[in-house]
């Protein structure tokens, strides 16, 4: 169901506060698994040249470069390197706007004394998790967006404060049952859930450009583990011990995924397996994999009652995003913004 990808009320707000310091890992959804991130508002190790001055406060090129890295990482799973390169100019402008908007929102929050209680943060976190159905599904989807559960939790307080600020100035965007039904009836393609499988894997990771002898060593290691599996060893235990993928602590569990979410050799091998079956060695650009399919779901139309809460969350989130844009536009119109040396 496509609406699930954008149904979280707070994700767009959170995006204003997240910066990329993540590293690509191997073989998971959308071909990447992202690491943790730090708030851009912290001191940046990059270029200290002043790029923009907002109401007397300086923004450096390093801060903009850091935000640019986050945006490129987030977009990396959605387009080719060539397309990403062609988008650099647009992304740099977006990164500059994001840093300015974040600074203005943080100042407004401070000026108005807006706080977020731990109960409010916990409630929002529970809402986000519930929208995905499980913690595992949430972590997989967040990884596709360049985020982790830890990153989400660490910035949830900022998101709640911004949400309260926007509600105060732009009004709460309530959604009626009629609007939810209208959206469901008007967007039937979004509620077609394709065939999915749930799989685990053991990754024997290789860096890009790994020497042939290193590749050979990894293959020998993978073959040894495969032989253990064929002799009856426990897949989850071996994944925990040997896999270099972030899914290792979960016994290699990747959760449910459909076609188009994995690199092609991985997808082809996984969808060729039946439930309970284990593959031989599968080679991708990330290294060697051993894949086990643990469950499958046929394609279906998601019924309205099942989709209702996700649609409501999506519509609420869209309304809040619109309110956020209106409010940040007002803040920018009333701010003194002086552009100095924005990176080209």
Protein backbone atom coordinates (compact mmCIF):
# COMPACT_ATOMS: atom_id res chain seq x y z
CA UNK A 1 0.00 0.00 0.00
CA UNK A 2 1.88 3.05 -1.27
CA UNK A 3 0.35 5.53 1.17
CA UNK A 4 2.27 3.83 3.99
CA UNK A 5 5.51 5.32 2.70
CA UNK A 6 4.34 8.84 3.44
CA UNK A 7 1.75 8.34 6.16
CA UNK A 8 3.79 9.43 9.18
CA UNK A 9 2.59 12.76 10.54
CA UNK A 10 6.00 13.79 11.86
CA UNK A 11 8.47 12.49 9.27
CA UNK A 12 8.47 15.63 7.16
CA UNK A 13 8.99 17.78 10.25
CA UNK A 14 11.74 15.48 11.47
CA UNK A 15 13.49 15.88 8.14
CA UNK A 16 14.23 19.49 9.05
CA UNK A 17 16.29 18.35 12.03
CA UNK A 18 18.25 15.42 10.60
CA UNK A 19 21.69 15.58 9.06
CA UNK A 20 23.55 12.83 7.26
CA UNK A 21 26.58 11.17 8.67
CA UNK A 22 25.48 7.74 7.58
CA UNK A 23 27.47 5.10 5.78
CA UNK A 24 26.14 2.74 3.15
CA UNK A 25 25.92 -0.86 4.25
CA UNK A 26 25.17 -3.94 2.21
CA UNK A 27 22.19 -5.65 0.75
CA UNK A 28 19.14 -4.28 2.52
CA UNK A 29 16.05 -2.50 1.31
CA UNK A 30 16.47 0.15 -1.36
CA UNK A 31 20.07 -1.14 -1.60
CA UNK A 32 21.19 0.85 1.45
CA UNK A 33 21.07 0.79 5.21
CA UNK A 34 21.77 4.10 6.85
CA UNK A 35 23.60 4.78 10.09
CA UNK A 36 22.96 7.31 12.83
CA UNK A 37 22.80 11.06 12.35
CA UNK A 38 23.52 14.19 14.35
CA UNK A 39 21.53 17.42 14.39
CA UNK A 40 22.83 19.94 11.87
CA UNK A 41 22.53 22.68 14.47
CA UNK A 42 25.64 21.27 16.19
CA UNK A 43 29.06 22.54 15.14
CA UNK A 44 29.95 21.21 11.70
CA UNK A 45 33.45 19.90 10.95
CA UNK A 46 33.17 21.18 7.37
CA UNK A 47 33.91 24.51 5.71
CA UNK A 48 33.63 27.30 8.34
CA UNK A 49 33.06 30.01 5.71
CA UNK A 50 29.91 31.99 6.48
CA UNK A 51 27.28 31.27 3.83
CA UNK A 52 24.16 32.99 5.19
CA UNK A 53 23.39 35.34 8.07
CA UNK A 54 19.89 35.02 9.52
CA UNK A 55 18.85 37.77 11.96
CA UNK A 56 22.51 38.18 12.88
CA UNK A 57 23.22 34.45 13.33
CA UNK A 58 25.74 32.89 10.97
CA UNK A 59 25.22 29.69 8.97
CA UNK A 60 28.39 28.12 7.60
CA UNK A 61 29.03 26.26 4.38
CA UNK A 62 29.86 23.25 6.56
CA UNK A 63 26.33 23.18 7.93
CA UNK A 64 24.88 23.41 4.44
CA UNK A 65 27.24 20.69 3.17
CA UNK A 66 26.16 18.42 6.02
CA UNK A 67 22.49 18.94 5.20
CA UNK A 68 23.30 18.39 1.53
CA UNK A 69 24.85 15.04 2.44
CA UNK A 70 21.68 14.00 4.25
CA UNK A 71 19.49 14.92 1.29
CA UNK A 72 21.71 13.10 -1.21
CA UNK A 73 21.78 10.04 1.02
CA UNK A 74 18.01 10.08 1.31
CA UNK A 75 17.62 10.41 -2.46
CA UNK A 76 20.31 7.85 -3.23
CA UNK A 77 17.97 4.87 -3.12
CA UNK A 78 15.46 6.57 -5.43
CA UNK A 79 17.59 7.56 -8.43
CA UNK A 80 20.75 6.65 -10.29
CA UNK A 81 24.11 8.33 -9.52
CA UNK A 82 23.80 10.23 -12.81
CA UNK A 83 20.35 11.54 -11.90
CA UNK A 84 21.57 12.45 -8.43
CA UNK A 85 24.49 14.40 -9.90
CA UNK A 86 22.13 16.34 -12.16
CA UNK A 87 20.01 17.24 -9.11
CA UNK A 88 22.88 18.69 -7.08
CA UNK A 89 21.97 22.31 -7.76
CA UNK A 90 18.37 21.81 -6.64
CA UNK A 91 19.46 19.81 -3.59
CA UNK A 92 21.95 22.49 -2.54
CA UNK A 93 19.23 25.11 -2.63
CA UNK A 94 16.96 22.79 -0.63
CA UNK A 95 19.74 22.18 1.88
CA UNK A 96 20.28 25.93 2.32
CA UNK A 97 16.55 26.51 2.79
CA UNK A 98 16.33 23.64 5.29
CA UNK A 99 19.09 25.02 7.49
CA UNK A 100 17.57 28.51 7.41
CA UNK A 101 14.09 27.18 8.19
CA UNK A 102 15.37 25.05 11.03
CA UNK A 103 17.16 28.02 12.58
CA UNK A 104 14.04 30.18 12.35
CA UNK A 105 11.83 27.46 13.84
CA UNK A 106 14.24 26.79 16.69
CA UNK A 107 14.31 30.50 17.49
CA UNK A 108 10.50 30.72 17.41
CA UNK A 109 10.23 27.70 19.72
CA UNK A 110 12.66 29.33 22.16
CA UNK A 111 10.95 32.73 21.98
CA UNK A 112 7.53 31.20 22.69
CA UNK A 113 8.76 28.82 25.38
CA UNK A 114 7.31 25.73 23.73
CA UNK A 115 8.25 22.44 25.40
CA UNK A 116 7.69 18.76 24.70
CA UNK A 117 7.01 16.42 27.61
CA UNK A 118 8.34 12.87 27.71
CA UNK A 119 4.77 11.58 27.59
CA UNK A 120 4.14 13.53 24.37
CA UNK A 121 7.34 12.20 22.82
CA UNK A 122 6.50 8.62 23.83
CA UNK A 123 2.96 8.98 22.47
CA UNK A 124 4.17 10.24 19.08
CA UNK A 125 6.78 7.49 18.89
CA UNK A 126 4.10 4.88 19.59
CA UNK A 127 1.90 6.39 16.86
CA UNK A 128 4.69 6.22 14.30
CA UNK A 129 5.54 2.63 15.22
CA UNK A 130 1.88 1.59 15.06
CA UNK A 131 1.51 3.00 11.56
CA UNK A 132 4.06 0.46 10.34
CA UNK A 133 2.52 -2.51 12.11
CA UNK A 134 5.76 -3.57 13.77
CA UNK A 135 9.08 -2.18 14.97
CA UNK A 136 10.92 -4.24 12.33
CA UNK A 137 8.84 -2.84 9.50
CA UNK A 138 9.38 0.68 10.82
CA UNK A 139 13.16 0.22 10.96
CA UNK A 140 13.23 -1.13 7.41
CA UNK A 141 11.15 1.77 6.07
CA UNK A 142 13.19 4.34 7.99
CA UNK A 143 16.38 2.87 6.54
CA UNK A 144 15.00 3.51 3.06
CA UNK A 145 14.65 7.19 4.08
CA UNK A 146 18.18 7.46 5.50
CA UNK A 147 17.03 7.26 9.12
CA UNK A 148 17.27 4.88 12.07
CA UNK A 149 14.96 4.30 15.03
CA UNK A 150 17.56 5.92 17.29
CA UNK A 151 17.73 9.00 15.05
CA UNK A 152 13.95 9.21 14.99
CA UNK A 153 13.72 8.99 18.77
CA UNK A 154 16.51 11.49 19.40
CA UNK A 155 14.80 14.15 17.27
CA UNK A 156 11.20 13.38 18.20
CA UNK A 157 11.22 16.13 20.83
CA UNK A 158 12.11 18.74 18.19
CA UNK A 159 9.38 17.43 15.92
CA UNK A 160 6.75 17.59 18.67
CA UNK A 161 7.75 21.18 19.48
CA UNK A 162 7.48 22.21 15.82
CA UNK A 163 4.13 20.46 15.55
CA UNK A 164 2.83 22.39 18.56
CA UNK A 165 4.24 25.64 17.17
CA UNK A 166 2.56 25.13 13.80
CA UNK A 167 -0.75 24.09 15.40
CA UNK A 168 -0.64 27.28 17.45
CA UNK A 169 -0.12 29.54 14.45
CA UNK A 170 -1.71 27.65 11.56
CA UNK A 171 -4.41 25.68 13.35
CA UNK A 172 -4.77 21.94 13.82
CA UNK A 173 -5.51 20.14 10.54
CA UNK A 174 -8.42 17.89 11.53
CA UNK A 175 -9.47 15.15 9.10
CA UNK A 176 -13.06 13.91 8.76
CA UNK A 177 -14.23 10.35 8.04
CA UNK A 178 -15.67 11.60 4.76
CA UNK A 179 -12.27 12.92 3.67
CA UNK A 180 -10.66 9.60 4.53
CA UNK A 181 -13.23 7.68 2.50
CA UNK A 182 -12.95 10.10 -0.41
CA UNK A 183 -9.18 9.58 -0.52
CA UNK A 184 -9.54 5.79 -0.45
CA UNK A 185 -12.13 5.76 -3.25
CA UNK A 186 -10.19 8.27 -5.33
CA UNK A 187 -6.80 6.53 -5.18
CA UNK A 188 -7.43 2.81 -5.75
CA UNK A 189 -3.92 2.13 -7.09
CA UNK A 190 -2.40 3.15 -3.77
CA UNK A 191 -4.16 0.30 -1.99
CA UNK A 192 -2.92 -2.49 -4.20
CA UNK A 193 -0.43 -4.46 -2.13
CA UNK A 194 1.80 -6.57 -4.39
CA UNK A 195 3.18 -9.98 -3.55
CA UNK A 196 5.63 -9.77 -0.66
CA UNK A 197 8.00 -12.13 1.03
CA UNK A 198 9.66 -12.05 4.42
CA UNK A 199 13.28 -13.12 4.29
CA UNK A 200 16.45 -13.25 6.32
CA UNK A 201 19.98 -13.26 5.00
CA UNK A 202 23.59 -13.72 6.00
CA UNK A 203 25.81 -11.15 4.30
CA UNK A 204 29.52 -11.63 3.79
CA UNK A 205 30.18 -8.01 2.90
CA UNK A 206 32.74 -6.65 0.49
CA UNK A 207 33.73 -3.05 -0.13
CA UNK A 208 33.51 -1.62 -3.63
CA UNK A 209 36.66 -2.48 -5.54
CA UNK A 210 37.70 -5.25 -3.14
CA UNK A 211 40.80 -7.11 -4.30
CA UNK A 212 40.24 -10.52 -5.96
CA UNK A 213 41.99 -12.32 -3.11
CA UNK A 214 39.65 -10.68 -0.57
CA UNK A 215 36.64 -11.70 -2.68
CA UNK A 216 37.96 -15.26 -2.79
CA UNK A 217 38.42 -15.32 1.00
CA UNK A 218 34.87 -14.11 1.56
CA UNK A 219 33.52 -16.71 -0.80
CA UNK A 220 35.36 -19.48 1.08
CA UNK A 221 33.92 -18.19 4.37
CA UNK A 222 30.41 -18.05 2.88
CA UNK A 223 30.72 -21.59 1.51
CA UNK A 224 31.80 -22.85 4.93
CA UNK A 225 28.75 -21.29 6.60
CA UNK A 226 26.50 -22.63 3.83
CA UNK A 227 27.86 -26.11 4.50
CA UNK A 228 26.99 -25.71 8.19
CA UNK A 229 23.44 -24.80 7.24
CA UNK A 230 23.15 -27.82 4.98
CA UNK A 231 24.19 -29.95 7.95
CA UNK A 232 21.34 -28.54 10.05
CA UNK A 233 22.84 -25.52 11.81
CA UNK A 234 20.47 -22.75 12.95
CA UNK A 235 20.18 -19.97 10.35
CA UNK A 236 19.44 -17.17 12.82
CA UNK A 237 22.38 -18.09 15.05
CA UNK A 238 24.78 -18.17 12.10
CA UNK A 239 23.44 -14.83 10.83
CA UNK A 240 24.04 -13.27 14.23
CA UNK A 241 27.58 -14.66 14.34
CA UNK A 242 28.74 -14.08 10.77
CA UNK A 243 26.62 -11.51 8.91
CA UNK A 244 28.10 -8.06 8.34
CA UNK A 245 24.65 -6.55 7.67
CA UNK A 246 22.90 -4.37 10.31
CA UNK A 247 20.19 -7.04 10.36
CA UNK A 248 22.62 -9.48 12.06
CA UNK A 249 21.37 -8.82 15.64
CA UNK A 250 17.88 -9.80 14.42
CA UNK A 251 19.14 -13.09 13.04
CA UNK A 252 19.36 -11.56 9.56
CA UNK A 253 15.65 -10.64 9.46
CA UNK A 254 14.89 -8.13 6.69
CA UNK A 255 11.14 -8.07 7.26
CA UNK A 256 8.65 -8.09 4.39
CA UNK A 257 9.58 -6.60 1.04
CA UNK A 258 8.22 -6.58 -2.49
CA UNK A 259 9.80 -6.60 -5.90
CA UNK A 260 11.87 -3.55 -6.72
CA UNK A 261 13.11 -3.00 -3.17
CA UNK A 262 16.27 -5.10 -3.37
CA UNK A 263 19.17 -5.28 -5.78
CA UNK A 264 18.18 -7.46 -8.73
CA UNK A 265 20.32 -10.58 -8.07
CA UNK A 266 19.09 -10.65 -4.46
CA UNK A 267 15.46 -10.16 -5.51
CA UNK A 268 15.62 -12.85 -8.20
CA UNK A 269 17.08 -15.41 -5.82
CA UNK A 270 14.72 -14.57 -2.94
CA UNK A 271 11.51 -14.68 -4.99
CA UNK A 272 12.56 -17.99 -6.53
CA UNK A 273 12.51 -19.64 -3.08
CA UNK A 274 9.55 -21.18 -1.33
CA UNK A 275 8.73 -20.52 2.32
CA UNK A 276 11.26 -22.29 4.50
CA UNK A 277 13.81 -22.69 1.69
CA UNK A 278 17.39 -21.43 1.80
CA UNK A 279 19.41 -20.29 -1.20
CA UNK A 280 22.92 -21.13 -2.24
CA UNK A 281 25.45 -18.29 -2.45
CA UNK A 282 24.05 -15.18 -4.12
CA UNK A 283 26.55 -12.58 -5.27
CA UNK A 284 25.69 -8.87 -5.45
CA UNK A 285 27.76 -5.70 -5.43
CA UNK A 286 27.57 -5.85 -1.63
CA UNK A 287 29.20 -9.26 -1.35
CA UNK A 288 27.88 -12.81 -0.90
CA UNK A 289 24.47 -13.61 0.59
CA UNK A 290 22.71 -16.69 1.88
CA UNK A 291 18.96 -16.06 1.84
CA UNK A 292 16.14 -17.79 3.72
CA UNK A 293 12.46 -17.09 2.99
CA UNK A 294 10.36 -17.36 6.14
CA UNK A 295 6.92 -16.11 5.00
CA UNK A 296 5.04 -14.82 1.97
CA UNK A 297 1.88 -12.84 1.19
CA UNK A 298 -0.05 -12.84 -2.07
CA UNK A 299 -0.96 -9.57 -3.74
CA UNK A 300 -4.26 -8.06 -2.60
CA UNK A 301 -6.38 -4.92 -2.35
CA UNK A 302 -6.09 -3.50 1.17
CA UNK A 303 -9.67 -3.08 2.53
CA UNK A 304 -10.86 0.33 3.67
CA UNK A 305 -11.15 -0.60 7.36
CA UNK A 306 -7.52 -1.72 7.37
CA UNK A 307 -6.34 1.37 5.49
CA UNK A 308 -8.44 3.91 7.43
CA UNK A 309 -5.91 4.91 10.12
CA UNK A 310 -3.02 5.10 7.67
CA UNK A 311 -5.01 7.37 5.37
CA UNK A 312 -6.03 9.58 8.27
CA UNK A 313 -2.40 9.82 9.38
CA UNK A 314 -1.30 10.67 5.85
CA UNK A 315 -3.95 13.40 5.44
CA UNK A 316 -3.14 14.86 8.86
CA UNK A 317 0.53 14.84 7.98
CA UNK A 318 -0.12 16.53 4.65
CA UNK A 319 -2.17 19.21 6.39
CA UNK A 320 0.57 19.80 8.94
CA UNK A 321 3.17 20.01 6.17
CA UNK A 322 1.07 22.65 4.43
CA UNK A 323 0.70 24.54 7.70
CA UNK A 324 4.43 24.24 8.34
CA UNK A 325 5.22 25.71 4.93
CA UNK A 326 2.84 28.62 5.44
CA UNK A 327 4.32 29.36 8.85
CA UNK A 328 7.99 29.07 7.77
CA UNK A 329 7.24 31.32 4.79
CA UNK A 330 5.93 33.91 7.26
CA UNK A 331 9.04 33.56 9.42
CA UNK A 332 11.29 33.99 6.38
CA UNK A 333 9.34 37.04 5.19
CA UNK A 334 9.89 38.71 8.57
CA UNK A 335 13.54 37.68 8.94
CA UNK A 336 16.68 39.49 7.82
CA UNK A 337 18.38 36.90 5.59
CA UNK A 338 21.70 37.88 4.02
CA UNK A 339 23.36 35.46 1.57
CA UNK A 340 27.16 35.55 1.58
CA UNK A 341 29.10 32.59 0.17
CA UNK A 342 26.62 29.80 -0.46
CA UNK A 343 28.50 26.79 -1.94
CA UNK A 344 27.98 26.23 -5.64
